[in-house]
């Protein structure tokens, strides 16, 4: 059986990521991740999509701690996309 990620086109995956980033359940993470996804998601490369999908698989509180640099980032998530996410300032 093919992996669902292989059967969905990149544009659909990009749109799903933007939606997933907005509905995390942890308000601070919602604001940062959804703002980042809305701002940068339309221009994500295929690699960015894969990296962001992987990041969104982590726990909200961990993601927030990595962004705010209060917890060390596991090597798997220590990416250029996370660096861009750290530099992002959502408009409130």
PDB file of N, CA and C in Angstrom:
ATOM      1  N   UNK A   1       0.844  -1.174   0.000  1.00  0.00           N
ATOM      2  CA  UNK A   1       0.000   0.000   0.000  1.00  0.00           C
ATOM      3  C   UNK A   1       0.892   1.240   0.000  1.00  0.00           C
ATOM      4  N   UNK A   2       0.654   2.186  -0.900  1.00  0.00           N
ATOM      5  CA  UNK A   2       1.511   3.378  -0.965  1.00  0.00           C
ATOM      6  C   UNK A   2       1.294   4.287   0.236  1.00  0.00           C
ATOM      7  N   UNK A   3       2.361   4.950   0.630  1.00  0.00           N
ATOM      8  CA  UNK A   3       2.300   5.941   1.703  1.00  0.00           C
ATOM      9  C   UNK A   3       1.383   7.075   1.239  1.00  0.00           C
ATOM     10  N   UNK A   4       0.490   7.542   2.148  1.00  0.00           N
ATOM     11  CA  UNK A   4      -0.440   8.604   1.763  1.00  0.00           C
ATOM     12  C   UNK A   4       0.295   9.856   1.314  1.00  0.00           C
ATOM     13  N   UNK A   5       1.477  10.116   1.895  1.00  0.00           N
ATOM     14  CA  UNK A   5       2.246  11.293   1.504  1.00  0.00           C
ATOM     15  C   UNK A   5       2.741  11.202   0.069  1.00  0.00           C
ATOM     16  N   UNK A   6       2.834  10.004  -0.468  1.00  0.00           N
ATOM     17  CA  UNK A   6       3.278   9.838  -1.853  1.00  0.00           C
ATOM     18  C   UNK A   6       2.125  10.022  -2.830  1.00  0.00           C
ATOM     19  N   UNK A   7       0.890   9.885  -2.366  1.00  0.00           N
ATOM     20  CA  UNK A   7      -0.251   9.959  -3.265  1.00  0.00           C
ATOM     21  C   UNK A   7      -0.913  11.330  -3.284  1.00  0.00           C
ATOM     22  N   UNK A   8      -0.551  12.219  -2.374  1.00  0.00           N
ATOM     23  CA  UNK A   8      -1.130  13.557  -2.323  1.00  0.00           C
ATOM     24  C   UNK A   8      -0.165  14.537  -2.979  1.00  0.00           C
ATOM     25  N   UNK A   9      -0.703  15.369  -3.852  1.00  0.00           N
ATOM     26  CA  UNK A   9       0.167  16.315  -4.562  1.00  0.00           C
ATOM     27  C   UNK A   9       0.723  17.352  -3.584  1.00  0.00           C
ATOM     28  N   UNK A  10       1.787  18.014  -3.996  1.00  0.00           N
ATOM     29  CA  UNK A  10       2.506  18.944  -3.128  1.00  0.00           C
ATOM     30  C   UNK A  10       1.633  20.122  -2.709  1.00  0.00           C
ATOM     31  N   UNK A  11       0.797  20.630  -3.601  1.00  0.00           N
ATOM     32  CA  UNK A  11      -0.042  21.770  -3.260  1.00  0.00           C
ATOM     33  C   UNK A  11      -1.050  21.399  -2.173  1.00  0.00           C
ATOM     34  N   UNK A  12      -1.615  20.216  -2.259  1.00  0.00           N
ATOM     35  CA  UNK A  12      -2.546  19.750  -1.230  1.00  0.00           C
ATOM     36  C   UNK A  12      -1.819  19.590   0.097  1.00  0.00           C
ATOM     37  N   UNK A  13      -0.620  19.042   0.068  1.00  0.00           N
ATOM     38  CA  UNK A  13       0.165  18.888   1.298  1.00  0.00           C
ATOM     39  C   UNK A  13       0.468  20.243   1.915  1.00  0.00           C
ATOM     40  N   UNK A  14       0.808  21.221   1.068  1.00  0.00           N
ATOM     41  CA  UNK A  14       1.106  22.572   1.542  1.00  0.00           C
ATOM     42  C   UNK A  14      -0.125  23.153   2.242  1.00  0.00           C
ATOM     43  N   UNK A  15      -1.295  23.012   1.637  1.00  0.00           N
ATOM     44  CA  UNK A  15      -2.525  23.540   2.222  1.00  0.00           C
ATOM     45  C   UNK A  15      -2.861  22.835   3.536  1.00  0.00           C
ATOM     46  N   UNK A  16      -2.650  21.540   3.593  1.00  0.00           N
ATOM     47  CA  UNK A  16      -2.908  20.791   4.828  1.00  0.00           C
ATOM     48  C   UNK A  16      -1.981  21.244   5.953  1.00  0.00           C
ATOM     49  N   UNK A  17      -0.728  21.528   5.608  1.00  0.00           N
ATOM     50  CA  UNK A  17       0.217  22.001   6.621  1.00  0.00           C
ATOM     51  C   UNK A  17      -0.232  23.327   7.216  1.00  0.00           C
ATOM     52  N   UNK A  18      -0.690  24.228   6.363  1.00  0.00           N
ATOM     53  CA  UNK A  18      -1.152  25.525   6.841  1.00  0.00           C
ATOM     54  C   UNK A  18      -2.323  25.319   7.798  1.00  0.00           C
ATOM     55  N   UNK A  19      -3.220  24.425   7.459  1.00  0.00           N
ATOM     56  CA  UNK A  19      -4.357  24.127   8.324  1.00  0.00           C
ATOM     57  C   UNK A  19      -3.894  23.479   9.635  1.00  0.00           C
ATOM     58  N   UNK A  20      -3.024  22.488   9.550  1.00  0.00           N
ATOM     59  CA  UNK A  20      -2.517  21.809  10.754  1.00  0.00           C
ATOM     60  C   UNK A  20      -1.784  22.768  11.676  1.00  0.00           C
ATOM     61  N   UNK A  21      -1.053  23.718  11.101  1.00  0.00           N
ATOM     62  CA  UNK A  21      -0.292  24.672  11.899  1.00  0.00           C
ATOM     63  C   UNK A  21      -1.220  25.588  12.689  1.00  0.00           C
ATOM     64  N   UNK A  22      -2.407  25.821  12.169  1.00  0.00           N
ATOM     65  CA  UNK A  22      -3.337  26.735  12.826  1.00  0.00           C
ATOM     66  C   UNK A  22      -4.094  26.081  13.985  1.00  0.00           C
ATOM     67  N   UNK A  23      -4.302  24.813  13.940  1.00  0.00           N
ATOM     68  CA  UNK A  23      -5.111  24.123  14.943  1.00  0.00           C
ATOM     69  C   UNK A  23      -4.269  23.159  15.771  1.00  0.00           C
ATOM     70  N   UNK A  24      -3.372  23.702  16.568  1.00  0.00           N
ATOM     71  CA  UNK A  24      -2.475  22.892  17.366  1.00  0.00           C
ATOM     72  C   UNK A  24      -3.015  22.607  18.757  1.00  0.00           C
ATOM     73  N   UNK A  25      -3.791  23.522  19.319  1.00  0.00           N
ATOM     74  CA  UNK A  25      -4.327  23.322  20.649  1.00  0.00           C
ATOM     75  C   UNK A  25      -3.541  24.036  21.748  1.00  0.00           C
ATOM     76  N   UNK A  26      -2.453  24.650  21.392  1.00  0.00           N
ATOM     77  CA  UNK A  26      -1.623  25.403  22.337  1.00  0.00           C
ATOM     78  C   UNK A  26      -1.489  26.801  21.733  1.00  0.00           C
ATOM     79  N   UNK A  27      -2.152  27.778  22.337  1.00  0.00           N
ATOM     80  CA  UNK A  27      -2.333  29.096  21.731  1.00  0.00           C
ATOM     81  C   UNK A  27      -1.030  29.726  21.232  1.00  0.00           C
ATOM     82  N   UNK A  28       0.012  29.695  22.037  1.00  0.00           N
ATOM     83  CA  UNK A  28       1.267  30.319  21.637  1.00  0.00           C
ATOM     84  C   UNK A  28       1.836  29.643  20.385  1.00  0.00           C
ATOM     85  N   UNK A  29       1.780  28.320  20.371  1.00  0.00           N
ATOM     86  CA  UNK A  29       2.262  27.584  19.196  1.00  0.00           C
ATOM     87  C   UNK A  29       1.380  27.874  17.989  1.00  0.00           C
ATOM     88  N   UNK A  30       0.049  27.953  18.202  1.00  0.00           N
ATOM     89  CA  UNK A  30      -0.871  28.287  17.109  1.00  0.00           C
ATOM     90  C   UNK A  30      -0.482  29.596  16.442  1.00  0.00           C
ATOM     91  N   UNK A  31      -0.239  30.619  17.259  1.00  0.00           N
ATOM     92  CA  UNK A  31       0.074  31.946  16.713  1.00  0.00           C
ATOM     93  C   UNK A  31       1.349  31.939  15.874  1.00  0.00           C
ATOM     94  N   UNK A  32       2.374  31.305  16.397  1.00  0.00           N
ATOM     95  CA  UNK A  32       3.650  31.291  15.688  1.00  0.00           C
ATOM     96  C   UNK A  32       3.587  30.387  14.462  1.00  0.00           C
ATOM     97  N   UNK A  33       3.157  29.146  14.663  1.00  0.00           N
ATOM     98  CA  UNK A  33       3.162  28.180  13.558  1.00  0.00           C
ATOM     99  C   UNK A  33       2.185  28.553  12.455  1.00  0.00           C
ATOM    100  N   UNK A  34       0.992  29.008  12.825  1.00  0.00           N
ATOM    101  CA  UNK A  34       0.026  29.342  11.781  1.00  0.00           C
ATOM    102  C   UNK A  34       0.445  30.608  11.037  1.00  0.00           C
ATOM    103  N   UNK A  35       0.963  31.584  11.760  1.00  0.00           N
ATOM    104  CA  UNK A  35       1.450  32.800  11.097  1.00  0.00           C
ATOM    105  C   UNK A  35       2.590  32.495  10.141  1.00  0.00           C
ATOM    106  N   UNK A  36       3.506  31.670  10.586  1.00  0.00           N
ATOM    107  CA  UNK A  36       4.630  31.265   9.740  1.00  0.00           C
ATOM    108  C   UNK A  36       4.135  30.510   8.516  1.00  0.00           C
ATOM    109  N   UNK A  37       3.210  29.573   8.731  1.00  0.00           N
ATOM    110  CA  UNK A  37       2.698  28.761   7.620  1.00  0.00           C
ATOM    111  C   UNK A  37       1.930  29.621   6.612  1.00  0.00           C
ATOM    112  N   UNK A  38       1.121  30.558   7.105  1.00  0.00           N
ATOM    113  CA  UNK A  38       0.370  31.431   6.183  1.00  0.00           C
ATOM    114  C   UNK A  38       1.305  32.347   5.403  1.00  0.00           C
ATOM    115  N   UNK A  39       2.336  32.838   6.070  1.00  0.00           N
ATOM    116  CA  UNK A  39       3.265  33.769   5.431  1.00  0.00           C
ATOM    117  C   UNK A  39       4.213  33.062   4.467  1.00  0.00           C
ATOM    118  N   UNK A  40       4.803  31.960   4.914  1.00  0.00           N
ATOM    119  CA  UNK A  40       5.849  31.297   4.128  1.00  0.00           C
ATOM    120  C   UNK A  40       5.389  30.030   3.415  1.00  0.00           C
ATOM    121  N   UNK A  41       4.298  29.430   3.885  1.00  0.00           N
ATOM    122  CA  UNK A  41       3.817  28.179   3.305  1.00  0.00           C
ATOM    123  C   UNK A  41       3.603  28.195   1.809  1.00  0.00           C
ATOM    124  N   UNK A  42       3.020  29.270   1.255  1.00  0.00           N
ATOM    125  CA  UNK A  42       2.811  29.282  -0.194  1.00  0.00           C
ATOM    126  C   UNK A  42       4.109  29.173  -1.002  1.00  0.00           C
ATOM    127  N   UNK A  43       5.231  29.505  -0.383  1.00  0.00           N
ATOM    128  CA  UNK A  43       6.516  29.435  -1.078  1.00  0.00           C
ATOM    129  C   UNK A  43       7.394  28.282  -0.614  1.00  0.00           C
ATOM    130  N   UNK A  44       6.839  27.377   0.204  1.00  0.00           N
ATOM    131  CA  UNK A  44       7.611  26.239   0.671  1.00  0.00           C
ATOM    132  C   UNK A  44       8.095  25.391  -0.502  1.00  0.00           C
ATOM    133  N   UNK A  45       9.349  24.980  -0.414  1.00  0.00           N
ATOM    134  CA  UNK A  45       9.877  23.995  -1.355  1.00  0.00           C
ATOM    135  C   UNK A  45       9.386  22.622  -0.914  1.00  0.00           C
ATOM    136  N   UNK A  46       9.625  21.620  -1.726  1.00  0.00           N
ATOM    137  CA  UNK A  46       9.257  20.255  -1.335  1.00  0.00           C
ATOM    138  C   UNK A  46       9.991  19.862  -0.051  1.00  0.00           C
ATOM    139  N   UNK A  47      11.248  20.258   0.054  1.00  0.00           N
ATOM    140  CA  UNK A  47      12.019  19.954   1.267  1.00  0.00           C
ATOM    141  C   UNK A  47      11.422  20.653   2.483  1.00  0.00           C
ATOM    142  N   UNK A  48      10.995  21.915   2.323  1.00  0.00           N
ATOM    143  CA  UNK A  48      10.358  22.645   3.421  1.00  0.00           C
ATOM    144  C   UNK A  48       9.082  21.937   3.870  1.00  0.00           C
ATOM    145  N   UNK A  49       8.299  21.462   2.912  1.00  0.00           N
ATOM    146  CA  UNK A  49       7.055  20.767   3.240  1.00  0.00           C
ATOM    147  C   UNK A  49       7.360  19.525   4.069  1.00  0.00           C
ATOM    148  N   UNK A  50       8.325  18.746   3.637  1.00  0.00           N
ATOM    149  CA  UNK A  50       8.684  17.534   4.371  1.00  0.00           C
ATOM    150  C   UNK A  50       9.196  17.865   5.774  1.00  0.00           C
ATOM    151  N   UNK A  51      10.007  18.890   5.874  1.00  0.00           N
ATOM    152  CA  UNK A  51      10.574  19.297   7.155  1.00  0.00           C
ATOM    153  C   UNK A  51       9.492  19.827   8.094  1.00  0.00           C
ATOM    154  N   UNK A  52       8.580  20.634   7.557  1.00  0.00           N
ATOM    155  CA  UNK A  52       7.503  21.189   8.383  1.00  0.00           C
ATOM    156  C   UNK A  52       6.529  20.093   8.807  1.00  0.00           C
ATOM    157  N   UNK A  53       6.245  19.151   7.921  1.00  0.00           N
ATOM    158  CA  UNK A  53       5.402  18.006   8.285  1.00  0.00           C
ATOM    159  C   UNK A  53       6.028  17.245   9.456  1.00  0.00           C
ATOM    160  N   UNK A  54       7.320  17.021   9.369  1.00  0.00           N
ATOM    161  CA  UNK A  54       8.028  16.309  10.430  1.00  0.00           C
ATOM    162  C   UNK A  54       7.976  17.105  11.738  1.00  0.00           C
ATOM    163  N   UNK A  55       8.208  18.401  11.664  1.00  0.00           N
ATOM    164  CA  UNK A  55       8.174  19.248  12.850  1.00  0.00           C
ATOM    165  C   UNK A  55       6.790  19.229  13.498  1.00  0.00           C
ATOM    166  N   UNK A  56       5.734  19.301  12.695  1.00  0.00           N
ATOM    167  CA  UNK A  56       4.382  19.312  13.244  1.00  0.00           C
ATOM    168  C   UNK A  56       3.989  17.979  13.869  1.00  0.00           C
ATOM    169  N   UNK A  57       4.796  16.957  13.650  1.00  0.00           N
ATOM    170  CA  UNK A  57       4.574  15.671  14.303  1.00  0.00           C
ATOM    171  C   UNK A  57       5.042  15.663  15.752  1.00  0.00           C
ATOM    172  N   UNK A  58       5.799  16.693  16.138  1.00  0.00           N
ATOM    173  CA  UNK A  58       6.292  16.794  17.519  1.00  0.00           C
ATOM    174  C   UNK A  58       5.214  17.423  18.410  1.00  0.00           C
ATOM    175  N   UNK A  59       5.417  17.339  19.712  1.00  0.00           N
ATOM    176  CA  UNK A  59       4.482  17.914  20.678  1.00  0.00           C
ATOM    177  C   UNK A  59       4.565  19.438  20.644  1.00  0.00           C
ATOM    178  N   UNK A  60       3.416  20.078  20.802  1.00  0.00           N
ATOM    179  CA  UNK A  60       3.335  21.541  20.748  1.00  0.00           C
ATOM    180  C   UNK A  60       4.282  22.221  21.725  1.00  0.00           C
ATOM    181  N   UNK A  61       4.290  21.742  22.965  1.00  0.00           N
ATOM    182  CA  UNK A  61       5.127  22.373  23.981  1.00  0.00           C
ATOM    183  C   UNK A  61       6.613  22.220  23.655  1.00  0.00           C
ATOM    184  N   UNK A  62       6.980  21.111  23.044  1.00  0.00           N
ATOM    185  CA  UNK A  62       8.374  20.927  22.622  1.00  0.00           C
ATOM    186  C   UNK A  62       8.713  21.901  21.493  1.00  0.00           C
ATOM    187  N   UNK A  63       7.840  22.003  20.507  1.00  0.00           N
ATOM    188  CA  UNK A  63       8.081  22.925  19.386  1.00  0.00           C
ATOM    189  C   UNK A  63       8.249  24.346  19.915  1.00  0.00           C
ATOM    190  N   UNK A  64       7.354  24.752  20.791  1.00  0.00           N
ATOM    191  CA  UNK A  64       7.418  26.096  21.360  1.00  0.00           C
ATOM    192  C   UNK A  64       8.731  26.301  22.120  1.00  0.00           C
ATOM    193  N   UNK A  65       9.143  25.308  22.883  1.00  0.00           N
ATOM    194  CA  UNK A  65      10.399  25.403  23.635  1.00  0.00           C
ATOM    195  C   UNK A  65      11.600  25.470  22.697  1.00  0.00           C
ATOM    196  N   UNK A  66      11.550  24.784  21.573  1.00  0.00           N
ATOM    197  CA  UNK A  66      12.655  24.853  20.607  1.00  0.00           C
ATOM    198  C   UNK A  66      12.702  26.225  19.959  1.00  0.00           C
ATOM    199  N   UNK A  67      11.530  26.782  19.667  1.00  0.00           N
ATOM    200  CA  UNK A  67      11.476  28.110  19.048  1.00  0.00           C
ATOM    201  C   UNK A  67      12.004  29.156  20.021  1.00  0.00           C
ATOM    202  N   UNK A  68      11.595  29.062  21.281  1.00  0.00           N
ATOM    203  CA  UNK A  68      12.019  30.035  22.285  1.00  0.00           C
ATOM    204  C   UNK A  68      13.386  29.705  22.881  1.00  0.00           C
ATOM    205  N   UNK A  69      13.949  28.590  22.465  1.00  0.00           N
ATOM    206  CA  UNK A  69      15.273  28.129  22.863  1.00  0.00           C
ATOM    207  C   UNK A  69      15.374  27.868  24.364  1.00  0.00           C
ATOM    208  N   UNK A  70      14.296  27.310  24.926  1.00  0.00           N
ATOM    209  CA  UNK A  70      14.321  26.943  26.346  1.00  0.00           C
ATOM    210  C   UNK A  70      14.581  25.453  26.532  1.00  0.00           C
ATOM    211  N   UNK A  71      14.566  24.716  25.445  1.00  0.00           N
ATOM    212  CA  UNK A  71      14.938  23.299  25.443  1.00  0.00           C
ATOM    213  C   UNK A  71      15.874  23.061  24.272  1.00  0.00           C
ATOM    214  N   UNK A  72      16.840  22.138  24.431  1.00  0.00           N
ATOM    215  CA  UNK A  72      17.697  21.811  23.295  1.00  0.00           C
ATOM    216  C   UNK A  72      16.880  21.146  22.184  1.00  0.00           C
ATOM    217  N   UNK A  73      17.264  21.431  20.969  1.00  0.00           N
ATOM    218  CA  UNK A  73      16.557  20.889  19.806  1.00  0.00           C
ATOM    219  C   UNK A  73      17.186  19.561  19.407  1.00  0.00           C
ATOM    220  N   UNK A  74      16.375  18.517  19.259  1.00  0.00           N
ATOM    221  CA  UNK A  74      16.916  17.249  18.766  1.00  0.00           C
ATOM    222  C   UNK A  74      17.474  17.449  17.352  1.00  0.00           C
ATOM    223  N   UNK A  75      18.511  16.719  17.032  1.00  0.00           N
ATOM    224  CA  UNK A  75      19.174  16.870  15.727  1.00  0.00           C
ATOM    225  C   UNK A  75      18.186  16.765  14.571  1.00  0.00           C
ATOM    226  N   UNK A  76      17.203  15.897  14.693  1.00  0.00           N
ATOM    227  CA  UNK A  76      16.209  15.696  13.631  1.00  0.00           C
ATOM    228  C   UNK A  76      15.472  16.996  13.295  1.00  0.00           C
ATOM    229  N   UNK A  77      15.266  17.849  14.288  1.00  0.00           N
ATOM    230  CA  UNK A  77      14.491  19.075  14.079  1.00  0.00           C
ATOM    231  C   UNK A  77      15.356  20.333  14.010  1.00  0.00           C
ATOM    232  N   UNK A  78      16.662  20.187  14.161  1.00  0.00           N
ATOM    233  CA  UNK A  78      17.564  21.341  14.119  1.00  0.00           C
ATOM    234  C   UNK A  78      17.883  21.653  12.661  1.00  0.00           C
ATOM    235  N   UNK A  79      16.939  22.327  12.009  1.00  0.00           N
ATOM    236  CA  UNK A  79      17.002  22.561  10.559  1.00  0.00           C
ATOM    237  C   UNK A  79      16.998  24.050  10.245  1.00  0.00           C
ATOM    238  N   UNK A  80      17.247  24.372   8.996  1.00  0.00           N
ATOM    239  CA  UNK A  80      17.167  25.770   8.570  1.00  0.00           C
ATOM    240  C   UNK A  80      15.731  26.281   8.660  1.00  0.00           C
ATOM    241  N   UNK A  81      14.752  25.401   8.494  1.00  0.00           N
ATOM    242  CA  UNK A  81      13.360  25.817   8.628  1.00  0.00           C
ATOM    243  C   UNK A  81      13.073  26.239  10.069  1.00  0.00           C
ATOM    244  N   UNK A  82      13.593  25.514  11.046  1.00  0.00           N
ATOM    245  CA  UNK A  82      13.407  25.903  12.444  1.00  0.00           C
ATOM    246  C   UNK A  82      14.097  27.245  12.705  1.00  0.00           C
ATOM    247  N   UNK A  83      15.243  27.469  12.108  1.00  0.00           N
ATOM    248  CA  UNK A  83      15.926  28.761  12.264  1.00  0.00           C
ATOM    249  C   UNK A  83      15.056  29.887  11.692  1.00  0.00           C
ATOM    250  N   UNK A  84      14.433  29.658  10.554  1.00  0.00           N
ATOM    251  CA  UNK A  84      13.530  30.656   9.969  1.00  0.00           C
ATOM    252  C   UNK A  84      12.299  30.856  10.850  1.00  0.00           C
ATOM    253  N   UNK A  85      11.824  29.791  11.444  1.00  0.00           N
ATOM    254  CA  UNK A  85      10.680  29.861  12.353  1.00  0.00           C
ATOM    255  C   UNK A  85      11.035  30.679  13.596  1.00  0.00           C
ATOM    256  N   UNK A  86      12.223  30.507  14.104  1.00  0.00           N
ATOM    257  CA  UNK A  86      12.675  31.285  15.267  1.00  0.00           C
ATOM    258  C   UNK A  86      12.757  32.775  14.939  1.00  0.00           C
ATOM    259  N   UNK A  87      13.155  33.090  13.729  1.00  0.00           N
ATOM    260  CA  UNK A  87      13.308  34.489  13.327  1.00  0.00           C
ATOM    261  C   UNK A  87      11.970  35.145  12.978  1.00  0.00           C
ATOM    262  N   UNK A  88      10.941  34.340  12.765  1.00  0.00           N
ATOM    263  CA  UNK A  88       9.638  34.853  12.354  1.00  0.00           C
ATOM    264  C   UNK A  88       8.956  35.585  13.511  1.00  0.00           C
ATOM    265  N   UNK A  89       8.361  36.717  13.227  1.00  0.00           N
ATOM    266  CA  UNK A  89       7.605  37.470  14.211  1.00  0.00           C
ATOM    267  C   UNK A  89       6.179  37.623  13.710  1.00  0.00           C
ATOM    268  N   UNK A  90       5.239  36.885  14.336  1.00  0.00           N
ATOM    269  CA  UNK A  90       3.853  36.970  13.878  1.00  0.00           C
ATOM    270  C   UNK A  90       3.255  38.350  14.128  1.00  0.00           C
ATOM    271  N   UNK A  91       2.362  38.743  13.261  1.00  0.00           N
ATOM    272  CA  UNK A  91       1.636  39.989  13.436  1.00  0.00           C
ATOM    273  C   UNK A  91       0.442  39.686  14.318  1.00  0.00           C
ATOM    274  N   UNK A  92       0.342  40.366  15.414  1.00  0.00           N
ATOM    275  CA  UNK A  92      -0.756  40.106  16.357  1.00  0.00           C
ATOM    276  C   UNK A  92      -1.839  41.136  16.233  1.00  0.00           C
TER     277      UNK A  92
END
